[in-house]
């Protein structure tokens, strides 16, 4: 007997991820759009990173408008990390109508309920049903 998560993982819509953009690709794109040289862009990115870490190490979070909020947290072992909550404008931009240009697997399942996906799974796998 299959679990619902197995059906959702197999049949739910998901993005076919392409090759990750490299730091060099990102730096080049920002440089081209801003007129800054690549060295200045890279320096700025590294300084932003270092300052986010420094602020986190002081026990403070930092909100970067248009990017997100970085908040320090600690686990039971005493390891410090940062939680990142993306700015809502990023989600809004990602979800603009017809903006996505990548490939979506199982696109036909977009908008379906968990029950719809389970029913499809059960139809395709009568020997491994989900309750």
C-alpha atoms as a PDB file:
ATOM      1  CA  UNK A   1       0.000   0.000   0.000  1.00  0.00           C
ATOM      2  CA  UNK A   2       1.435   3.342  -1.098  1.00  0.00           C
ATOM      3  CA  UNK A   3       1.454   6.508   0.959  1.00  0.00           C
ATOM      4  CA  UNK A   4      -0.097   9.729  -0.328  1.00  0.00           C
ATOM      5  CA  UNK A   5       3.292  11.455  -0.409  1.00  0.00           C
ATOM      6  CA  UNK A   6       4.529   8.863  -2.920  1.00  0.00           C
ATOM      7  CA  UNK A   7       1.633   9.653  -5.237  1.00  0.00           C
ATOM      8  CA  UNK A   8       2.085  13.407  -4.877  1.00  0.00           C
ATOM      9  CA  UNK A   9       5.841  13.156  -5.471  1.00  0.00           C
ATOM     10  CA  UNK A  10       5.341  11.047  -8.578  1.00  0.00           C
ATOM     11  CA  UNK A  11       2.332  12.768 -10.133  1.00  0.00           C
ATOM     12  CA  UNK A  12       2.260  16.304  -8.755  1.00  0.00           C
ATOM     13  CA  UNK A  13       3.450  19.213 -10.877  1.00  0.00           C
ATOM     14  CA  UNK A  14       7.156  19.940 -10.559  1.00  0.00           C
ATOM     15  CA  UNK A  15       9.722  22.076 -12.288  1.00  0.00           C
ATOM     16  CA  UNK A  16      12.356  20.346 -14.389  1.00  0.00           C
ATOM     17  CA  UNK A  17      15.385  22.180 -13.100  1.00  0.00           C
ATOM     18  CA  UNK A  18      17.909  23.344 -15.640  1.00  0.00           C
ATOM     19  CA  UNK A  19      21.600  23.882 -15.041  1.00  0.00           C
ATOM     20  CA  UNK A  20      22.275  26.200 -12.095  1.00  0.00           C
ATOM     21  CA  UNK A  21      23.468  29.677 -12.968  1.00  0.00           C
ATOM     22  CA  UNK A  22      27.046  30.227 -11.854  1.00  0.00           C
ATOM     23  CA  UNK A  23      28.245  33.174  -9.820  1.00  0.00           C
ATOM     24  CA  UNK A  24      30.088  34.379 -12.923  1.00  0.00           C
ATOM     25  CA  UNK A  25      26.862  34.278 -14.947  1.00  0.00           C
ATOM     26  CA  UNK A  26      25.005  36.247 -12.279  1.00  0.00           C
ATOM     27  CA  UNK A  27      27.802  38.796 -11.915  1.00  0.00           C
ATOM     28  CA  UNK A  28      27.976  39.238 -15.699  1.00  0.00           C
ATOM     29  CA  UNK A  29      24.213  39.753 -15.945  1.00  0.00           C
ATOM     30  CA  UNK A  30      24.191  42.360 -13.156  1.00  0.00           C
ATOM     31  CA  UNK A  31      27.197  44.118 -14.665  1.00  0.00           C
ATOM     32  CA  UNK A  32      25.517  44.249 -18.077  1.00  0.00           C
ATOM     33  CA  UNK A  33      22.287  45.659 -16.621  1.00  0.00           C
ATOM     34  CA  UNK A  34      23.887  48.237 -14.343  1.00  0.00           C
ATOM     35  CA  UNK A  35      26.969  49.403 -16.177  1.00  0.00           C
ATOM     36  CA  UNK A  36      29.152  48.399 -13.234  1.00  0.00           C
ATOM     37  CA  UNK A  37      32.218  46.327 -13.970  1.00  0.00           C
ATOM     38  CA  UNK A  38      32.255  42.650 -12.947  1.00  0.00           C
ATOM     39  CA  UNK A  39      34.830  43.233 -10.218  1.00  0.00           C
ATOM     40  CA  UNK A  40      32.641  45.857  -8.529  1.00  0.00           C
ATOM     41  CA  UNK A  41      29.588  43.608  -8.731  1.00  0.00           C
ATOM     42  CA  UNK A  42      31.482  40.650  -7.264  1.00  0.00           C
ATOM     43  CA  UNK A  43      32.907  42.833  -4.504  1.00  0.00           C
ATOM     44  CA  UNK A  44      29.405  44.118  -3.697  1.00  0.00           C
ATOM     45  CA  UNK A  45      27.925  40.604  -3.572  1.00  0.00           C
ATOM     46  CA  UNK A  46      30.730  39.415  -1.287  1.00  0.00           C
ATOM     47  CA  UNK A  47      30.378  42.474   0.963  1.00  0.00           C
ATOM     48  CA  UNK A  48      26.613  41.938   1.191  1.00  0.00           C
ATOM     49  CA  UNK A  49      27.211  38.306   2.172  1.00  0.00           C
ATOM     50  CA  UNK A  50      29.867  39.191   4.751  1.00  0.00           C
ATOM     51  CA  UNK A  51      27.652  41.860   6.318  1.00  0.00           C
ATOM     52  CA  UNK A  52      24.639  39.528   6.514  1.00  0.00           C
ATOM     53  CA  UNK A  53      26.867  37.052   8.393  1.00  0.00           C
ATOM     54  CA  UNK A  54      28.265  39.781  10.658  1.00  0.00           C
ATOM     55  CA  UNK A  55      24.810  41.082  11.542  1.00  0.00           C
ATOM     56  CA  UNK A  56      23.592  37.525  12.158  1.00  0.00           C
ATOM     57  CA  UNK A  57      26.561  36.874  14.449  1.00  0.00           C
ATOM     58  CA  UNK A  58      25.507  39.879  16.517  1.00  0.00           C
ATOM     59  CA  UNK A  59      22.138  38.209  17.119  1.00  0.00           C
ATOM     60  CA  UNK A  60      20.213  40.489  14.779  1.00  0.00           C
ATOM     61  CA  UNK A  61      18.283  39.871  11.629  1.00  0.00           C
ATOM     62  CA  UNK A  62      18.468  42.014   8.542  1.00  0.00           C
ATOM     63  CA  UNK A  63      15.737  42.886   6.087  1.00  0.00           C
ATOM     64  CA  UNK A  64      16.834  43.682   2.552  1.00  0.00           C
ATOM     65  CA  UNK A  65      13.908  45.242   0.719  1.00  0.00           C
ATOM     66  CA  UNK A  66      13.134  43.362  -2.468  1.00  0.00           C
ATOM     67  CA  UNK A  67      15.264  40.379  -1.435  1.00  0.00           C
ATOM     68  CA  UNK A  68      14.206  39.067   1.966  1.00  0.00           C
ATOM     69  CA  UNK A  69      14.807  38.826   5.689  1.00  0.00           C
ATOM     70  CA  UNK A  70      17.761  36.923   7.131  1.00  0.00           C
ATOM     71  CA  UNK A  71      17.319  35.907  10.772  1.00  0.00           C
ATOM     72  CA  UNK A  72      19.821  34.027  12.943  1.00  0.00           C
ATOM     73  CA  UNK A  73      18.699  30.838  14.644  1.00  0.00           C
ATOM     74  CA  UNK A  74      20.335  28.106  16.704  1.00  0.00           C
ATOM     75  CA  UNK A  75      19.707  24.366  16.840  1.00  0.00           C
ATOM     76  CA  UNK A  76      19.949  21.975  19.786  1.00  0.00           C
ATOM     77  CA  UNK A  77      23.642  21.320  19.054  1.00  0.00           C
ATOM     78  CA  UNK A  78      24.389  25.044  19.295  1.00  0.00           C
ATOM     79  CA  UNK A  79      24.979  25.483  15.565  1.00  0.00           C
ATOM     80  CA  UNK A  80      24.086  28.914  14.240  1.00  0.00           C
ATOM     81  CA  UNK A  81      22.403  29.318  10.879  1.00  0.00           C
ATOM     82  CA  UNK A  82      20.265  31.877   9.112  1.00  0.00           C
ATOM     83  CA  UNK A  83      16.670  31.423   8.143  1.00  0.00           C
ATOM     84  CA  UNK A  84      15.716  33.247   4.972  1.00  0.00           C
ATOM     85  CA  UNK A  85      12.227  34.524   4.276  1.00  0.00           C
ATOM     86  CA  UNK A  86      12.048  35.841   0.742  1.00  0.00           C
ATOM     87  CA  UNK A  87      10.452  39.196   0.086  1.00  0.00           C
ATOM     88  CA  UNK A  88       6.863  38.782  -1.112  1.00  0.00           C
ATOM     89  CA  UNK A  89       7.719  40.717  -4.273  1.00  0.00           C
ATOM     90  CA  UNK A  90       9.874  37.779  -5.400  1.00  0.00           C
ATOM     91  CA  UNK A  91       6.920  35.387  -5.193  1.00  0.00           C
ATOM     92  CA  UNK A  92       4.739  37.928  -6.953  1.00  0.00           C
ATOM     93  CA  UNK A  93       7.271  38.274  -9.782  1.00  0.00           C
ATOM     94  CA  UNK A  94       7.701  34.495 -10.075  1.00  0.00           C
ATOM     95  CA  UNK A  95       3.951  34.026 -10.353  1.00  0.00           C
ATOM     96  CA  UNK A  96       3.136  36.690 -12.908  1.00  0.00           C
ATOM     97  CA  UNK A  97       0.919  35.245 -15.590  1.00  0.00           C
ATOM     98  CA  UNK A  98       2.889  33.590 -18.405  1.00  0.00           C
ATOM     99  CA  UNK A  99       6.260  34.717 -16.980  1.00  0.00           C
ATOM    100  CA  UNK A 100       7.641  31.215 -16.336  1.00  0.00           C
ATOM    101  CA  UNK A 101       9.691  29.953 -19.266  1.00  0.00           C
ATOM    102  CA  UNK A 102      10.935  26.651 -17.837  1.00  0.00           C
ATOM    103  CA  UNK A 103       9.504  23.163 -18.186  1.00  0.00           C
ATOM    104  CA  UNK A 104       6.833  21.885 -15.806  1.00  0.00           C
ATOM    105  CA  UNK A 105       6.421  18.130 -15.521  1.00  0.00           C
ATOM    106  CA  UNK A 106       2.902  16.836 -14.834  1.00  0.00           C
ATOM    107  CA  UNK A 107       1.496  20.232 -15.821  1.00  0.00           C
ATOM    108  CA  UNK A 108      -1.950  18.666 -16.212  1.00  0.00           C
ATOM    109  CA  UNK A 109      -2.029  18.123 -12.432  1.00  0.00           C
ATOM    110  CA  UNK A 110      -1.755  21.843 -11.641  1.00  0.00           C
ATOM    111  CA  UNK A 111      -4.838  22.944  -9.736  1.00  0.00           C
ATOM    112  CA  UNK A 112      -5.780  19.398  -8.767  1.00  0.00           C
ATOM    113  CA  UNK A 113      -6.458  18.428  -5.172  1.00  0.00           C
ATOM    114  CA  UNK A 114      -4.548  15.803  -3.216  1.00  0.00           C
ATOM    115  CA  UNK A 115      -7.599  13.561  -3.622  1.00  0.00           C
ATOM    116  CA  UNK A 116      -7.455  14.023  -7.415  1.00  0.00           C
ATOM    117  CA  UNK A 117      -3.787  13.020  -7.459  1.00  0.00           C
ATOM    118  CA  UNK A 118      -4.457   9.989  -5.264  1.00  0.00           C
ATOM    119  CA  UNK A 119      -7.312   8.938  -7.554  1.00  0.00           C
ATOM    120  CA  UNK A 120      -4.979   9.206 -10.569  1.00  0.00           C
ATOM    121  CA  UNK A 121      -2.311   7.204  -8.735  1.00  0.00           C
ATOM    122  CA  UNK A 122      -4.823   4.491  -7.843  1.00  0.00           C
ATOM    123  CA  UNK A 123      -5.955   4.362 -11.476  1.00  0.00           C
ATOM    124  CA  UNK A 124      -2.363   3.941 -12.688  1.00  0.00           C
ATOM    125  CA  UNK A 125      -1.245   1.602  -9.867  1.00  0.00           C
ATOM    126  CA  UNK A 126      -4.124  -0.743  -8.915  1.00  0.00           C
ATOM    127  CA  UNK A 127      -1.598  -3.066  -7.242  1.00  0.00           C
ATOM    128  CA  UNK A 128      -0.240  -0.287  -4.967  1.00  0.00           C
ATOM    129  CA  UNK A 129      -3.253   1.747  -3.848  1.00  0.00           C
ATOM    130  CA  UNK A 130      -3.293   4.782  -1.583  1.00  0.00           C
ATOM    131  CA  UNK A 131      -6.140   4.782   0.947  1.00  0.00           C
END
